[in-house]
């Protein structure tokens, strides 16, 4: 159960993470898009996918879609809003800004970045496999359609919430082998009555 100080740290961590998310979301999207594009294009022959991140959406622009046609997209916040949850979880530690805690947060953020890249790829492949009618049926078999669509659906329902908890469990939770005092943080000594 959370004590009042931990609940306060959780709230502050959430608000700080939310502010970072709102300030840097578009910049972050522009870092995720080219990495996902690189891996998508590795599996294409010829490589036709381009991902733009104008802010708010990942726009998928294929070279074989006629000019002027509407380009599909994946809502960006659906992919990476869970950064806010990761930041809030790291703030639970009694000393979240200690040097090793910041390094752990950076390592956890890198892991979450990789999760975002993977599931952006799932989102785009899911669009390709299910939203282009006859083209989808011609290029994706039933197994591939189910794999990409189910993978992205899993991320939307469970994965985007589970990933920050799993990453925090690996990098951020207090060490169970540490003494109880260190896990609780500094305590105030009670004065003796005389």
C-alpha atoms as a PDB file:
ATOM      1  CA  UNK A   1       0.000   0.000   0.000  1.00  0.00           C
ATOM      2  CA  UNK A   2       1.242   3.495  -0.834  1.00  0.00           C
ATOM      3  CA  UNK A   3       2.000   5.893   1.974  1.00  0.00           C
ATOM      4  CA  UNK A   4       1.271   9.600   1.532  1.00  0.00           C
ATOM      5  CA  UNK A   5       4.825  10.513   0.509  1.00  0.00           C
ATOM      6  CA  UNK A   6       4.941   7.778  -2.140  1.00  0.00           C
ATOM      7  CA  UNK A   7       1.528   8.852  -3.463  1.00  0.00           C
ATOM      8  CA  UNK A   8       2.781  12.444  -3.649  1.00  0.00           C
ATOM      9  CA  UNK A   9       5.940  11.350  -5.516  1.00  0.00           C
ATOM     10  CA  UNK A  10       3.780   9.311  -7.894  1.00  0.00           C
ATOM     11  CA  UNK A  11       1.584  12.338  -8.612  1.00  0.00           C
ATOM     12  CA  UNK A  12       4.573  14.659  -9.114  1.00  0.00           C
ATOM     13  CA  UNK A  13       6.260  12.048 -11.328  1.00  0.00           C
ATOM     14  CA  UNK A  14       3.098  11.754 -13.399  1.00  0.00           C
ATOM     15  CA  UNK A  15       2.797  15.533 -13.817  1.00  0.00           C
ATOM     16  CA  UNK A  16       6.483  16.001 -14.710  1.00  0.00           C
ATOM     17  CA  UNK A  17       6.336  13.090 -17.177  1.00  0.00           C
ATOM     18  CA  UNK A  18       3.141  14.475 -18.693  1.00  0.00           C
ATOM     19  CA  UNK A  19       4.801  17.876 -19.150  1.00  0.00           C
ATOM     20  CA  UNK A  20       7.841  16.241 -20.813  1.00  0.00           C
ATOM     21  CA  UNK A  21       5.488  14.220 -23.034  1.00  0.00           C
ATOM     22  CA  UNK A  22       3.516  17.294 -24.104  1.00  0.00           C
ATOM     23  CA  UNK A  23       6.652  19.369 -24.761  1.00  0.00           C
ATOM     24  CA  UNK A  24       8.649  16.750 -26.647  1.00  0.00           C
ATOM     25  CA  UNK A  25       6.063  14.401 -28.206  1.00  0.00           C
ATOM     26  CA  UNK A  26       6.618  15.615 -31.778  1.00  0.00           C
ATOM     27  CA  UNK A  27      10.408  15.493 -31.393  1.00  0.00           C
ATOM     28  CA  UNK A  28      10.164  11.975 -29.994  1.00  0.00           C
ATOM     29  CA  UNK A  29       7.865  10.886 -32.840  1.00  0.00           C
ATOM     30  CA  UNK A  30      10.481  12.158 -35.296  1.00  0.00           C
ATOM     31  CA  UNK A  31      13.033   9.893 -33.601  1.00  0.00           C
ATOM     32  CA  UNK A  32      10.769   6.809 -33.644  1.00  0.00           C
ATOM     33  CA  UNK A  33       9.570   7.169 -37.268  1.00  0.00           C
ATOM     34  CA  UNK A  34      12.908   6.756 -39.133  1.00  0.00           C
ATOM     35  CA  UNK A  35      13.921   3.735 -37.064  1.00  0.00           C
ATOM     36  CA  UNK A  36      10.601   1.997 -37.748  1.00  0.00           C
ATOM     37  CA  UNK A  37      10.846   3.022 -41.406  1.00  0.00           C
ATOM     38  CA  UNK A  38      14.335   1.528 -41.664  1.00  0.00           C
ATOM     39  CA  UNK A  39      13.192  -1.865 -40.367  1.00  0.00           C
ATOM     40  CA  UNK A  40      10.009  -1.860 -42.469  1.00  0.00           C
ATOM     41  CA  UNK A  41      11.969  -1.124 -45.621  1.00  0.00           C
ATOM     42  CA  UNK A  42      14.359  -4.015 -44.899  1.00  0.00           C
ATOM     43  CA  UNK A  43      11.442  -6.387 -45.491  1.00  0.00           C
ATOM     44  CA  UNK A  44      10.141  -4.648 -48.612  1.00  0.00           C
ATOM     45  CA  UNK A  45      11.158  -5.244 -52.186  1.00  0.00           C
ATOM     46  CA  UNK A  46      11.153  -2.607 -53.554  1.00  0.00           C
ATOM     47  CA  UNK A  47      11.322  -0.406 -50.446  1.00  0.00           C
ATOM     48  CA  UNK A  48       8.274   1.851 -50.725  1.00  0.00           C
ATOM     49  CA  UNK A  49       7.277   2.826 -47.184  1.00  0.00           C
ATOM     50  CA  UNK A  50       8.025   6.249 -45.806  1.00  0.00           C
ATOM     51  CA  UNK A  51       6.862   7.369 -42.362  1.00  0.00           C
ATOM     52  CA  UNK A  52       6.363  11.040 -41.598  1.00  0.00           C
ATOM     53  CA  UNK A  53       5.800  12.406 -38.103  1.00  0.00           C
ATOM     54  CA  UNK A  54       4.231  15.865 -38.504  1.00  0.00           C
ATOM     55  CA  UNK A  55       2.877  15.763 -34.938  1.00  0.00           C
ATOM     56  CA  UNK A  56       0.011  13.740 -33.547  1.00  0.00           C
ATOM     57  CA  UNK A  57       0.099  10.969 -36.162  1.00  0.00           C
ATOM     58  CA  UNK A  58       2.574   8.727 -37.890  1.00  0.00           C
ATOM     59  CA  UNK A  59       1.647   9.206 -41.560  1.00  0.00           C
ATOM     60  CA  UNK A  60       2.393   6.280 -43.836  1.00  0.00           C
ATOM     61  CA  UNK A  61       3.379   7.333 -47.334  1.00  0.00           C
ATOM     62  CA  UNK A  62       3.962   4.530 -49.813  1.00  0.00           C
ATOM     63  CA  UNK A  63       5.626   5.271 -53.124  1.00  0.00           C
ATOM     64  CA  UNK A  64       3.045   3.062 -54.905  1.00  0.00           C
ATOM     65  CA  UNK A  65      -0.003   4.993 -53.617  1.00  0.00           C
ATOM     66  CA  UNK A  66      -1.212   7.417 -56.312  1.00  0.00           C
ATOM     67  CA  UNK A  67      -0.455  11.118 -55.723  1.00  0.00           C
ATOM     68  CA  UNK A  68      -3.316  12.950 -54.054  1.00  0.00           C
ATOM     69  CA  UNK A  69      -4.669   9.779 -52.399  1.00  0.00           C
ATOM     70  CA  UNK A  70      -5.273   9.916 -48.666  1.00  0.00           C
ATOM     71  CA  UNK A  71      -2.408   8.439 -46.681  1.00  0.00           C
ATOM     72  CA  UNK A  72      -3.288   6.245 -43.716  1.00  0.00           C
ATOM     73  CA  UNK A  73      -1.838   6.929 -40.299  1.00  0.00           C
ATOM     74  CA  UNK A  74      -1.334   5.564 -36.813  1.00  0.00           C
ATOM     75  CA  UNK A  75      -2.217   7.892 -33.897  1.00  0.00           C
ATOM     76  CA  UNK A  76       1.101   8.665 -32.235  1.00  0.00           C
ATOM     77  CA  UNK A  77      -0.202   8.941 -28.669  1.00  0.00           C
ATOM     78  CA  UNK A  78      -1.563   5.387 -28.946  1.00  0.00           C
ATOM     79  CA  UNK A  79       2.021   4.242 -29.396  1.00  0.00           C
ATOM     80  CA  UNK A  80       4.020   6.279 -26.897  1.00  0.00           C
ATOM     81  CA  UNK A  81       1.805   7.925 -24.267  1.00  0.00           C
ATOM     82  CA  UNK A  82       2.867   5.151 -21.869  1.00  0.00           C
ATOM     83  CA  UNK A  83       6.122   7.061 -21.301  1.00  0.00           C
ATOM     84  CA  UNK A  84       4.126   9.073 -18.750  1.00  0.00           C
ATOM     85  CA  UNK A  85       3.354   5.895 -16.810  1.00  0.00           C
ATOM     86  CA  UNK A  86       7.013   4.843 -16.819  1.00  0.00           C
ATOM     87  CA  UNK A  87       8.082   8.234 -15.455  1.00  0.00           C
ATOM     88  CA  UNK A  88       5.456   8.093 -12.714  1.00  0.00           C
ATOM     89  CA  UNK A  89       6.588   4.617 -11.656  1.00  0.00           C
ATOM     90  CA  UNK A  90      10.227   5.717 -11.423  1.00  0.00           C
ATOM     91  CA  UNK A  91       9.160   8.630  -9.210  1.00  0.00           C
ATOM     92  CA  UNK A  92       7.965   6.157  -6.563  1.00  0.00           C
ATOM     93  CA  UNK A  93      11.540   5.652  -5.354  1.00  0.00           C
ATOM     94  CA  UNK A  94      12.379   7.741  -2.260  1.00  0.00           C
ATOM     95  CA  UNK A  95      15.301   9.342  -4.118  1.00  0.00           C
ATOM     96  CA  UNK A  96      14.278   9.345  -7.799  1.00  0.00           C
ATOM     97  CA  UNK A  97      16.910  11.899  -8.875  1.00  0.00           C
ATOM     98  CA  UNK A  98      19.880  10.003  -7.429  1.00  0.00           C
ATOM     99  CA  UNK A  99      22.590   9.343 -10.055  1.00  0.00           C
ATOM    100  CA  UNK A 100      22.017   5.620 -10.479  1.00  0.00           C
ATOM    101  CA  UNK A 101      18.226   6.106 -10.577  1.00  0.00           C
ATOM    102  CA  UNK A 102      18.537   8.576 -13.461  1.00  0.00           C
ATOM    103  CA  UNK A 103      20.753   6.104 -15.350  1.00  0.00           C
ATOM    104  CA  UNK A 104      18.181   3.373 -14.757  1.00  0.00           C
ATOM    105  CA  UNK A 105      15.425   5.669 -16.027  1.00  0.00           C
ATOM    106  CA  UNK A 106      17.455   6.398 -19.169  1.00  0.00           C
ATOM    107  CA  UNK A 107      18.016   2.663 -19.769  1.00  0.00           C
ATOM    108  CA  UNK A 108      14.311   1.997 -19.197  1.00  0.00           C
ATOM    109  CA  UNK A 109      13.399   4.824 -21.583  1.00  0.00           C
ATOM    110  CA  UNK A 110      15.629   3.284 -24.251  1.00  0.00           C
ATOM    111  CA  UNK A 111      13.838  -0.061 -23.783  1.00  0.00           C
ATOM    112  CA  UNK A 112      10.473   1.673 -24.074  1.00  0.00           C
ATOM    113  CA  UNK A 113      11.703   3.421 -27.235  1.00  0.00           C
ATOM    114  CA  UNK A 114      12.421  -0.002 -28.760  1.00  0.00           C
ATOM    115  CA  UNK A 115       8.930  -1.161 -27.754  1.00  0.00           C
ATOM    116  CA  UNK A 116       7.493   1.908 -29.519  1.00  0.00           C
ATOM    117  CA  UNK A 117       9.458   1.163 -32.689  1.00  0.00           C
ATOM    118  CA  UNK A 118       8.345  -2.485 -32.725  1.00  0.00           C
ATOM    119  CA  UNK A 119       4.690  -1.685 -32.208  1.00  0.00           C
ATOM    120  CA  UNK A 120       4.688   1.168 -34.707  1.00  0.00           C
ATOM    121  CA  UNK A 121       5.852  -1.472 -37.194  1.00  0.00           C
ATOM    122  CA  UNK A 122       3.008  -3.726 -36.029  1.00  0.00           C
ATOM    123  CA  UNK A 123       0.557  -0.850 -36.461  1.00  0.00           C
ATOM    124  CA  UNK A 124       1.704  -0.129 -40.009  1.00  0.00           C
ATOM    125  CA  UNK A 125       1.812  -3.786 -41.054  1.00  0.00           C
ATOM    126  CA  UNK A 126      -1.656  -4.199 -39.544  1.00  0.00           C
ATOM    127  CA  UNK A 127      -2.889  -1.336 -41.741  1.00  0.00           C
ATOM    128  CA  UNK A 128      -1.280  -2.900 -44.800  1.00  0.00           C
ATOM    129  CA  UNK A 129      -2.698  -6.332 -44.015  1.00  0.00           C
ATOM    130  CA  UNK A 130      -6.283  -5.319 -43.252  1.00  0.00           C
ATOM    131  CA  UNK A 131      -7.191  -1.876 -44.644  1.00  0.00           C
ATOM    132  CA  UNK A 132      -6.343  -1.976 -48.336  1.00  0.00           C
ATOM    133  CA  UNK A 133      -9.020  -4.367 -49.555  1.00  0.00           C
ATOM    134  CA  UNK A 134      -7.939  -6.450 -52.540  1.00  0.00           C
ATOM    135  CA  UNK A 135      -4.338  -5.266 -52.277  1.00  0.00           C
ATOM    136  CA  UNK A 136      -4.180  -6.520 -48.667  1.00  0.00           C
ATOM    137  CA  UNK A 137      -5.687  -9.884 -49.637  1.00  0.00           C
ATOM    138  CA  UNK A 138      -3.193 -10.247 -52.495  1.00  0.00           C
ATOM    139  CA  UNK A 139      -0.108  -9.389 -50.412  1.00  0.00           C
ATOM    140  CA  UNK A 140      -0.966 -10.855 -46.987  1.00  0.00           C
ATOM    141  CA  UNK A 141      -2.198 -14.355 -46.274  1.00  0.00           C
ATOM    142  CA  UNK A 142      -4.621 -15.144 -43.462  1.00  0.00           C
ATOM    143  CA  UNK A 143      -1.776 -16.031 -41.071  1.00  0.00           C
ATOM    144  CA  UNK A 144       0.081 -12.756 -41.750  1.00  0.00           C
ATOM    145  CA  UNK A 145      -3.120 -10.692 -41.432  1.00  0.00           C
ATOM    146  CA  UNK A 146      -3.900 -12.283 -38.077  1.00  0.00           C
ATOM    147  CA  UNK A 147      -0.312 -11.986 -36.837  1.00  0.00           C
ATOM    148  CA  UNK A 148       0.031  -8.245 -37.548  1.00  0.00           C
ATOM    149  CA  UNK A 149      -3.507  -7.289 -36.549  1.00  0.00           C
ATOM    150  CA  UNK A 150      -3.507  -9.385 -33.350  1.00  0.00           C
ATOM    151  CA  UNK A 151      -0.062  -8.084 -32.366  1.00  0.00           C
ATOM    152  CA  UNK A 152      -1.084  -4.460 -32.714  1.00  0.00           C
ATOM    153  CA  UNK A 153      -4.450  -5.127 -31.049  1.00  0.00           C
ATOM    154  CA  UNK A 154      -2.621  -6.771 -28.119  1.00  0.00           C
ATOM    155  CA  UNK A 155      -0.420  -3.689 -27.755  1.00  0.00           C
ATOM    156  CA  UNK A 156      -3.394  -1.316 -27.801  1.00  0.00           C
ATOM    157  CA  UNK A 157      -5.329  -3.236 -25.154  1.00  0.00           C
ATOM    158  CA  UNK A 158      -2.670  -4.737 -22.875  1.00  0.00           C
ATOM    159  CA  UNK A 159       0.863  -4.085 -24.082  1.00  0.00           C
ATOM    160  CA  UNK A 160       0.977  -0.318 -23.878  1.00  0.00           C
ATOM    161  CA  UNK A 161       0.066  -0.520 -20.179  1.00  0.00           C
ATOM    162  CA  UNK A 162       2.045  -3.665 -19.371  1.00  0.00           C
ATOM    163  CA  UNK A 163       5.279  -2.536 -21.058  1.00  0.00           C
ATOM    164  CA  UNK A 164       6.045   0.340 -18.630  1.00  0.00           C
ATOM    165  CA  UNK A 165       5.349  -1.909 -15.624  1.00  0.00           C
ATOM    166  CA  UNK A 166       7.540  -4.711 -16.989  1.00  0.00           C
ATOM    167  CA  UNK A 167      10.367  -2.297 -17.815  1.00  0.00           C
ATOM    168  CA  UNK A 168      10.063  -0.613 -14.412  1.00  0.00           C
ATOM    169  CA  UNK A 169      10.152  -4.065 -12.784  1.00  0.00           C
ATOM    170  CA  UNK A 170      13.458  -4.766 -14.545  1.00  0.00           C
ATOM    171  CA  UNK A 171      15.113  -1.372 -14.070  1.00  0.00           C
ATOM    172  CA  UNK A 172      13.351   0.710 -11.480  1.00  0.00           C
ATOM    173  CA  UNK A 173      11.835  -1.190  -8.618  1.00  0.00           C
ATOM    174  CA  UNK A 174      13.628  -1.048  -5.281  1.00  0.00           C
ATOM    175  CA  UNK A 175      16.146  -3.826  -4.801  1.00  0.00           C
ATOM    176  CA  UNK A 176      14.492  -6.497  -2.609  1.00  0.00           C
ATOM    177  CA  UNK A 177      17.926  -7.463  -1.234  1.00  0.00           C
ATOM    178  CA  UNK A 178      18.513  -3.910   0.025  1.00  0.00           C
ATOM    179  CA  UNK A 179      17.906  -3.267   3.728  1.00  0.00           C
ATOM    180  CA  UNK A 180      14.358  -2.189   4.545  1.00  0.00           C
ATOM    181  CA  UNK A 181      15.590   1.216   5.734  1.00  0.00           C
ATOM    182  CA  UNK A 182      17.226   1.963   2.378  1.00  0.00           C
ATOM    183  CA  UNK A 183      14.047   0.972   0.507  1.00  0.00           C
ATOM    184  CA  UNK A 184      11.892   3.233   2.685  1.00  0.00           C
ATOM    185  CA  UNK A 185      14.241   6.175   2.499  1.00  0.00           C
ATOM    186  CA  UNK A 186      15.459   8.351   5.366  1.00  0.00           C
ATOM    187  CA  UNK A 187      13.413   8.183   8.518  1.00  0.00           C
ATOM    188  CA  UNK A 188      13.055  10.707  11.277  1.00  0.00           C
ATOM    189  CA  UNK A 189      14.105   9.577  14.722  1.00  0.00           C
ATOM    190  CA  UNK A 190      11.516   9.916  17.409  1.00  0.00           C
ATOM    191  CA  UNK A 191      12.493  12.010  20.400  1.00  0.00           C
ATOM    192  CA  UNK A 192      12.600  10.214  23.709  1.00  0.00           C
ATOM    193  CA  UNK A 193      10.488  11.497  26.495  1.00  0.00           C
ATOM    194  CA  UNK A 194      12.382  12.125  29.713  1.00  0.00           C
END
